[in-house]
């Protein structure tokens, strides 16, 4: 992931209401975040898999951040 894409991803997480981040199960949260990121930035087909892997590995951190808000 590029630094710009990372920045957009974490801005998305920060700007999303905690209740949204906490109410989805892991798979649905991952898919929702990827879809939201696609709305922000047009992802090429070769970017989707690395983004998906990145999001998948960060789900616990995302949930922890949401709980702390």
PDB file of N, CA and C in Angstrom:
ATOM      1  N   UNK A   1       0.846  -1.186   0.000  1.00  0.00           N
ATOM      2  CA  UNK A   1       0.000   0.000   0.000  1.00  0.00           C
ATOM      3  C   UNK A   1       0.884   1.240   0.000  1.00  0.00           C
ATOM      4  N   UNK A   2       0.460   2.208  -0.750  1.00  0.00           N
ATOM      5  CA  UNK A   2       1.200   3.461  -0.810  1.00  0.00           C
ATOM      6  C   UNK A   2       0.949   4.274   0.462  1.00  0.00           C
ATOM      7  N   UNK A   3       1.850   5.181   0.797  1.00  0.00           N
ATOM      8  CA  UNK A   3       1.615   6.032   1.961  1.00  0.00           C
ATOM      9  C   UNK A   3       0.310   6.825   1.853  1.00  0.00           C
ATOM     10  N   UNK A   4      -0.003   7.286   0.666  1.00  0.00           N
ATOM     11  CA  UNK A   4      -1.254   8.036   0.465  1.00  0.00           C
ATOM     12  C   UNK A   4      -2.465   7.153   0.763  1.00  0.00           C
ATOM     13  N   UNK A   5      -2.442   5.938   0.284  1.00  0.00           N
ATOM     14  CA  UNK A   5      -3.552   5.010   0.524  1.00  0.00           C
ATOM     15  C   UNK A   5      -3.644   4.650   2.007  1.00  0.00           C
ATOM     16  N   UNK A   6      -2.512   4.460   2.656  1.00  0.00           N
ATOM     17  CA  UNK A   6      -2.510   4.196   4.101  1.00  0.00           C
ATOM     18  C   UNK A   6      -3.139   5.366   4.866  1.00  0.00           C
ATOM     19  N   UNK A   7      -2.754   6.556   4.479  1.00  0.00           N
ATOM     20  CA  UNK A   7      -3.305   7.742   5.140  1.00  0.00           C
ATOM     21  C   UNK A   7      -4.822   7.794   4.958  1.00  0.00           C
ATOM     22  N   UNK A   8      -5.300   7.548   3.750  1.00  0.00           N
ATOM     23  CA  UNK A   8      -6.739   7.571   3.489  1.00  0.00           C
ATOM     24  C   UNK A   8      -7.459   6.482   4.274  1.00  0.00           C
ATOM     25  N   UNK A   9      -6.834   5.321   4.371  1.00  0.00           N
ATOM     26  CA  UNK A   9      -7.450   4.224   5.120  1.00  0.00           C
ATOM     27  C   UNK A   9      -7.610   4.596   6.593  1.00  0.00           C
ATOM     28  N   UNK A  10      -6.534   5.068   7.204  1.00  0.00           N
ATOM     29  CA  UNK A  10      -6.615   5.375   8.634  1.00  0.00           C
ATOM     30  C   UNK A  10      -7.490   6.596   8.909  1.00  0.00           C
ATOM     31  N   UNK A  11      -7.555   7.536   7.965  1.00  0.00           N
ATOM     32  CA  UNK A  11      -8.501   8.656   8.105  1.00  0.00           C
ATOM     33  C   UNK A  11      -9.931   8.138   8.057  1.00  0.00           C
ATOM     34  N   UNK A  12     -10.181   7.180   7.186  1.00  0.00           N
ATOM     35  CA  UNK A  12     -11.504   6.553   7.116  1.00  0.00           C
ATOM     36  C   UNK A  12     -11.856   5.910   8.451  1.00  0.00           C
ATOM     37  N   UNK A  13     -10.935   5.154   9.014  1.00  0.00           N
ATOM     38  CA  UNK A  13     -11.178   4.497  10.307  1.00  0.00           C
ATOM     39  C   UNK A  13     -11.461   5.544  11.387  1.00  0.00           C
ATOM     40  N   UNK A  14     -10.660   6.590  11.427  1.00  0.00           N
ATOM     41  CA  UNK A  14     -10.837   7.629  12.445  1.00  0.00           C
ATOM     42  C   UNK A  14     -12.156   8.369  12.293  1.00  0.00           C
ATOM     43  N   UNK A  15     -12.609   8.548  11.063  1.00  0.00           N
ATOM     44  CA  UNK A  15     -13.825   9.327  10.815  1.00  0.00           C
ATOM     45  C   UNK A  15     -15.103   8.497  10.833  1.00  0.00           C
ATOM     46  N   UNK A  16     -14.962   7.201  10.995  1.00  0.00           N
ATOM     47  CA  UNK A  16     -16.131   6.321  11.047  1.00  0.00           C
ATOM     48  C   UNK A  16     -16.592   6.192  12.499  1.00  0.00           C
ATOM     49  N   UNK A  17     -17.882   6.268  12.703  1.00  0.00           N
ATOM     50  CA  UNK A  17     -18.422   6.141  14.053  1.00  0.00           C
ATOM     51  C   UNK A  17     -18.027   4.801  14.663  1.00  0.00           C
ATOM     52  N   UNK A  18     -17.716   4.814  15.918  1.00  0.00           N
ATOM     53  CA  UNK A  18     -17.320   3.593  16.627  1.00  0.00           C
ATOM     54  C   UNK A  18     -18.371   2.507  16.520  1.00  0.00           C
ATOM     55  N   UNK A  19     -19.629   2.895  16.591  1.00  0.00           N
ATOM     56  CA  UNK A  19     -20.690   1.886  16.538  1.00  0.00           C
ATOM     57  C   UNK A  19     -20.658   1.112  15.223  1.00  0.00           C
ATOM     58  N   UNK A  20     -20.314   1.768  14.141  1.00  0.00           N
ATOM     59  CA  UNK A  20     -20.209   1.083  12.849  1.00  0.00           C
ATOM     60  C   UNK A  20     -19.066   0.070  12.895  1.00  0.00           C
ATOM     61  N   UNK A  21     -17.939   0.480  13.419  1.00  0.00           N
ATOM     62  CA  UNK A  21     -16.762  -0.392  13.465  1.00  0.00           C
ATOM     63  C   UNK A  21     -16.963  -1.580  14.408  1.00  0.00           C
ATOM     64  N   UNK A  22     -17.796  -1.411  15.413  1.00  0.00           N
ATOM     65  CA  UNK A  22     -17.974  -2.463  16.411  1.00  0.00           C
ATOM     66  C   UNK A  22     -19.145  -3.397  16.117  1.00  0.00           C
ATOM     67  N   UNK A  23     -20.071  -2.978  15.281  1.00  0.00           N
ATOM     68  CA  UNK A  23     -21.266  -3.785  15.061  1.00  0.00           C
ATOM     69  C   UNK A  23     -21.119  -4.864  14.003  1.00  0.00           C
ATOM     70  N   UNK A  24     -20.166  -4.725  13.102  1.00  0.00           N
ATOM     71  CA  UNK A  24     -19.950  -5.738  12.077  1.00  0.00           C
ATOM     72  C   UNK A  24     -19.101  -6.877  12.615  1.00  0.00           C
ATOM     73  N   UNK A  25     -19.303  -8.100  12.085  1.00  0.00           N
ATOM     74  CA  UNK A  25     -18.349  -9.162  12.382  1.00  0.00           C
ATOM     75  C   UNK A  25     -17.080  -8.868  11.568  1.00  0.00           C
ATOM     76  N   UNK A  26     -16.019  -9.617  11.821  1.00  0.00           N
ATOM     77  CA  UNK A  26     -14.725  -9.312  11.210  1.00  0.00           C
ATOM     78  C   UNK A  26     -14.775  -9.297   9.683  1.00  0.00           C
ATOM     79  N   UNK A  27     -15.374 -10.316   9.086  1.00  0.00           N
ATOM     80  CA  UNK A  27     -15.409 -10.406   7.623  1.00  0.00           C
ATOM     81  C   UNK A  27     -16.205  -9.256   7.021  1.00  0.00           C
ATOM     82  N   UNK A  28     -17.328  -8.952   7.636  1.00  0.00           N
ATOM     83  CA  UNK A  28     -18.161  -7.869   7.103  1.00  0.00           C
ATOM     84  C   UNK A  28     -17.502  -6.507   7.303  1.00  0.00           C
ATOM     85  N   UNK A  29     -16.824  -6.319   8.428  1.00  0.00           N
ATOM     86  CA  UNK A  29     -16.102  -5.067   8.668  1.00  0.00           C
ATOM     87  C   UNK A  29     -14.998  -4.891   7.637  1.00  0.00           C
ATOM     88  N   UNK A  30     -14.261  -5.938   7.387  1.00  0.00           N
ATOM     89  CA  UNK A  30     -13.200  -5.887   6.386  1.00  0.00           C
ATOM     90  C   UNK A  30     -13.767  -5.484   5.025  1.00  0.00           C
ATOM     91  N   UNK A  31     -14.838  -6.130   4.618  1.00  0.00           N
ATOM     92  CA  UNK A  31     -15.443  -5.827   3.323  1.00  0.00           C
ATOM     93  C   UNK A  31     -16.002  -4.404   3.286  1.00  0.00           C
ATOM     94  N   UNK A  32     -16.627  -3.974   4.373  1.00  0.00           N
ATOM     95  CA  UNK A  32     -17.185  -2.632   4.438  1.00  0.00           C
ATOM     96  C   UNK A  32     -16.082  -1.586   4.305  1.00  0.00           C
ATOM     97  N   UNK A  33     -14.968  -1.784   5.017  1.00  0.00           N
ATOM     98  CA  UNK A  33     -13.857  -0.830   4.945  1.00  0.00           C
ATOM     99  C   UNK A  33     -13.257  -0.778   3.541  1.00  0.00           C
ATOM    100  N   UNK A  34     -13.106  -1.920   2.917  1.00  0.00           N
ATOM    101  CA  UNK A  34     -12.572  -1.949   1.553  1.00  0.00           C
ATOM    102  C   UNK A  34     -13.511  -1.224   0.602  1.00  0.00           C
ATOM    103  N   UNK A  35     -14.797  -1.461   0.730  1.00  0.00           N
ATOM    104  CA  UNK A  35     -15.769  -0.778  -0.129  1.00  0.00           C
ATOM    105  C   UNK A  35     -15.747   0.730   0.091  1.00  0.00           C
ATOM    106  N   UNK A  36     -15.638   1.155   1.336  1.00  0.00           N
ATOM    107  CA  UNK A  36     -15.559   2.588   1.625  1.00  0.00           C
ATOM    108  C   UNK A  36     -14.286   3.186   1.032  1.00  0.00           C
ATOM    109  N   UNK A  37     -13.189   2.456   1.135  1.00  0.00           N
ATOM    110  CA  UNK A  37     -11.926   2.929   0.574  1.00  0.00           C
ATOM    111  C   UNK A  37     -12.007   3.013  -0.946  1.00  0.00           C
ATOM    112  N   UNK A  38     -12.698   2.075  -1.563  1.00  0.00           N
ATOM    113  CA  UNK A  38     -12.914   2.134  -3.019  1.00  0.00           C
ATOM    114  C   UNK A  38     -13.702   3.377  -3.403  1.00  0.00           C
ATOM    115  N   UNK A  39     -14.642   3.794  -2.556  1.00  0.00           N
ATOM    116  CA  UNK A  39     -15.413   5.006  -2.833  1.00  0.00           C
ATOM    117  C   UNK A  39     -14.535   6.253  -2.746  1.00  0.00           C
ATOM    118  N   UNK A  40     -13.542   6.214  -1.869  1.00  0.00           N
ATOM    119  CA  UNK A  40     -12.642   7.351  -1.682  1.00  0.00           C
ATOM    120  C   UNK A  40     -11.596   7.399  -2.795  1.00  0.00           C
ATOM    121  N   UNK A  41     -11.049   6.246  -3.119  1.00  0.00           N
ATOM    122  CA  UNK A  41      -9.992   6.162  -4.120  1.00  0.00           C
ATOM    123  C   UNK A  41     -10.241   4.959  -5.008  1.00  0.00           C
ATOM    124  N   UNK A  42     -10.123   5.166  -6.280  1.00  0.00           N
ATOM    125  CA  UNK A  42     -10.306   4.090  -7.241  1.00  0.00           C
ATOM    126  C   UNK A  42      -9.141   3.103  -7.114  1.00  0.00           C
ATOM    127  N   UNK A  43      -9.417   1.917  -6.608  1.00  0.00           N
ATOM    128  CA  UNK A  43      -8.378   0.902  -6.439  1.00  0.00           C
ATOM    129  C   UNK A  43      -8.258   0.073  -7.711  1.00  0.00           C
ATOM    130  N   UNK A  44      -7.035  -0.131  -8.143  1.00  0.00           N
ATOM    131  CA  UNK A  44      -6.821  -1.001  -9.296  1.00  0.00           C
ATOM    132  C   UNK A  44      -6.990  -2.446  -8.847  1.00  0.00           C
ATOM    133  N   UNK A  45      -7.234  -3.349  -9.785  1.00  0.00           N
ATOM    134  CA  UNK A  45      -7.410  -4.763  -9.415  1.00  0.00           C
ATOM    135  C   UNK A  45      -6.220  -5.344  -8.642  1.00  0.00           C
ATOM    136  N   UNK A  46      -5.008  -4.918  -8.974  1.00  0.00           N
ATOM    137  CA  UNK A  46      -3.847  -5.461  -8.252  1.00  0.00           C
ATOM    138  C   UNK A  46      -3.667  -4.846  -6.864  1.00  0.00           C
ATOM    139  N   UNK A  47      -4.380  -3.779  -6.539  1.00  0.00           N
ATOM    140  CA  UNK A  47      -4.308  -3.176  -5.209  1.00  0.00           C
ATOM    141  C   UNK A  47      -5.274  -3.808  -4.219  1.00  0.00           C
ATOM    142  N   UNK A  48      -6.338  -4.410  -4.705  1.00  0.00           N
ATOM    143  CA  UNK A  48      -7.400  -4.897  -3.821  1.00  0.00           C
ATOM    144  C   UNK A  48      -6.899  -5.984  -2.871  1.00  0.00           C
ATOM    145  N   UNK A  49      -6.160  -6.943  -3.355  1.00  0.00           N
ATOM    146  CA  UNK A  49      -5.689  -8.040  -2.494  1.00  0.00           C
ATOM    147  C   UNK A  49      -4.756  -7.555  -1.382  1.00  0.00           C
ATOM    148  N   UNK A  50      -3.732  -6.737  -1.691  1.00  0.00           N
ATOM    149  CA  UNK A  50      -2.894  -6.234  -0.587  1.00  0.00           C
ATOM    150  C   UNK A  50      -3.677  -5.390   0.420  1.00  0.00           C
ATOM    151  N   UNK A  51      -4.633  -4.607  -0.074  1.00  0.00           N
ATOM    152  CA  UNK A  51      -5.461  -3.807   0.828  1.00  0.00           C
ATOM    153  C   UNK A  51      -6.280  -4.724   1.724  1.00  0.00           C
ATOM    154  N   UNK A  52      -6.860  -5.748   1.134  1.00  0.00           N
ATOM    155  CA  UNK A  52      -7.654  -6.707   1.899  1.00  0.00           C
ATOM    156  C   UNK A  52      -6.803  -7.392   2.975  1.00  0.00           C
ATOM    157  N   UNK A  53      -5.619  -7.803   2.627  1.00  0.00           N
ATOM    158  CA  UNK A  53      -4.726  -8.440   3.606  1.00  0.00           C
ATOM    159  C   UNK A  53      -4.350  -7.466   4.719  1.00  0.00           C
ATOM    160  N   UNK A  54      -4.067  -6.233   4.340  1.00  0.00           N
ATOM    161  CA  UNK A  54      -3.709  -5.221   5.330  1.00  0.00           C
ATOM    162  C   UNK A  54      -4.862  -4.993   6.307  1.00  0.00           C
ATOM    163  N   UNK A  55      -6.055  -4.794   5.754  1.00  0.00           N
ATOM    164  CA  UNK A  55      -7.230  -4.551   6.594  1.00  0.00           C
ATOM    165  C   UNK A  55      -7.466  -5.749   7.508  1.00  0.00           C
ATOM    166  N   UNK A  56      -7.385  -6.947   6.952  1.00  0.00           N
ATOM    167  CA  UNK A  56      -7.622  -8.165   7.733  1.00  0.00           C
ATOM    168  C   UNK A  56      -6.700  -8.235   8.950  1.00  0.00           C
ATOM    169  N   UNK A  57      -5.434  -7.904   8.762  1.00  0.00           N
ATOM    170  CA  UNK A  57      -4.491  -7.993   9.876  1.00  0.00           C
ATOM    171  C   UNK A  57      -4.647  -6.865  10.876  1.00  0.00           C
ATOM    172  N   UNK A  58      -5.365  -5.795  10.495  1.00  0.00           N
ATOM    173  CA  UNK A  58      -5.532  -4.646  11.393  1.00  0.00           C
ATOM    174  C   UNK A  58      -6.891  -4.619  12.091  1.00  0.00           C
ATOM    175  N   UNK A  59      -7.740  -5.589  11.871  1.00  0.00           N
ATOM    176  CA  UNK A  59      -9.069  -5.598  12.486  1.00  0.00           C
ATOM    177  C   UNK A  59      -8.989  -5.491  14.017  1.00  0.00           C
ATOM    178  N   UNK A  60      -8.132  -6.257  14.696  1.00  0.00           N
ATOM    179  CA  UNK A  60      -8.068  -6.099  16.160  1.00  0.00           C
ATOM    180  C   UNK A  60      -7.690  -4.678  16.591  1.00  0.00           C
ATOM    181  N   UNK A  61      -6.758  -4.056  15.893  1.00  0.00           N
ATOM    182  CA  UNK A  61      -6.366  -2.685  16.213  1.00  0.00           C
ATOM    183  C   UNK A  61      -7.514  -1.718  15.956  1.00  0.00           C
ATOM    184  N   UNK A  62      -8.215  -1.904  14.856  1.00  0.00           N
ATOM    185  CA  UNK A  62      -9.352  -1.047  14.528  1.00  0.00           C
ATOM    186  C   UNK A  62     -10.422  -1.147  15.616  1.00  0.00           C
ATOM    187  N   UNK A  63     -10.702  -2.354  16.059  1.00  0.00           N
ATOM    188  CA  UNK A  63     -11.706  -2.547  17.120  1.00  0.00           C
ATOM    189  C   UNK A  63     -11.233  -1.916  18.438  1.00  0.00           C
ATOM    190  N   UNK A  64      -9.962  -2.080  18.760  1.00  0.00           N
ATOM    191  CA  UNK A  64      -9.419  -1.483  19.985  1.00  0.00           C
ATOM    192  C   UNK A  64      -9.551   0.035  19.938  1.00  0.00           C
ATOM    193  N   UNK A  65      -9.231   0.617  18.798  1.00  0.00           N
ATOM    194  CA  UNK A  65      -9.356   2.070  18.657  1.00  0.00           C
ATOM    195  C   UNK A  65     -10.810   2.509  18.811  1.00  0.00           C
ATOM    196  N   UNK A  66     -11.729   1.748  18.240  1.00  0.00           N
ATOM    197  CA  UNK A  66     -13.149   2.084  18.333  1.00  0.00           C
ATOM    198  C   UNK A  66     -13.642   1.986  19.776  1.00  0.00           C
ATOM    199  N   UNK A  67     -13.197   0.976  20.510  1.00  0.00           N
ATOM    200  CA  UNK A  67     -13.601   0.828  21.916  1.00  0.00           C
ATOM    201  C   UNK A  67     -13.109   2.002  22.759  1.00  0.00           C
ATOM    202  N   UNK A  68     -11.924   2.512  22.424  1.00  0.00           N
ATOM    203  CA  UNK A  68     -11.325   3.583  23.222  1.00  0.00           C
ATOM    204  C   UNK A  68     -11.961   4.938  22.999  1.00  0.00           C
ATOM    205  N   UNK A  69     -12.741   5.079  21.942  1.00  0.00           N
ATOM    206  CA  UNK A  69     -13.362   6.392  21.666  1.00  0.00           C
ATOM    207  C   UNK A  69     -14.527   6.668  22.577  1.00  0.00           C
TER     208      UNK A  69
END
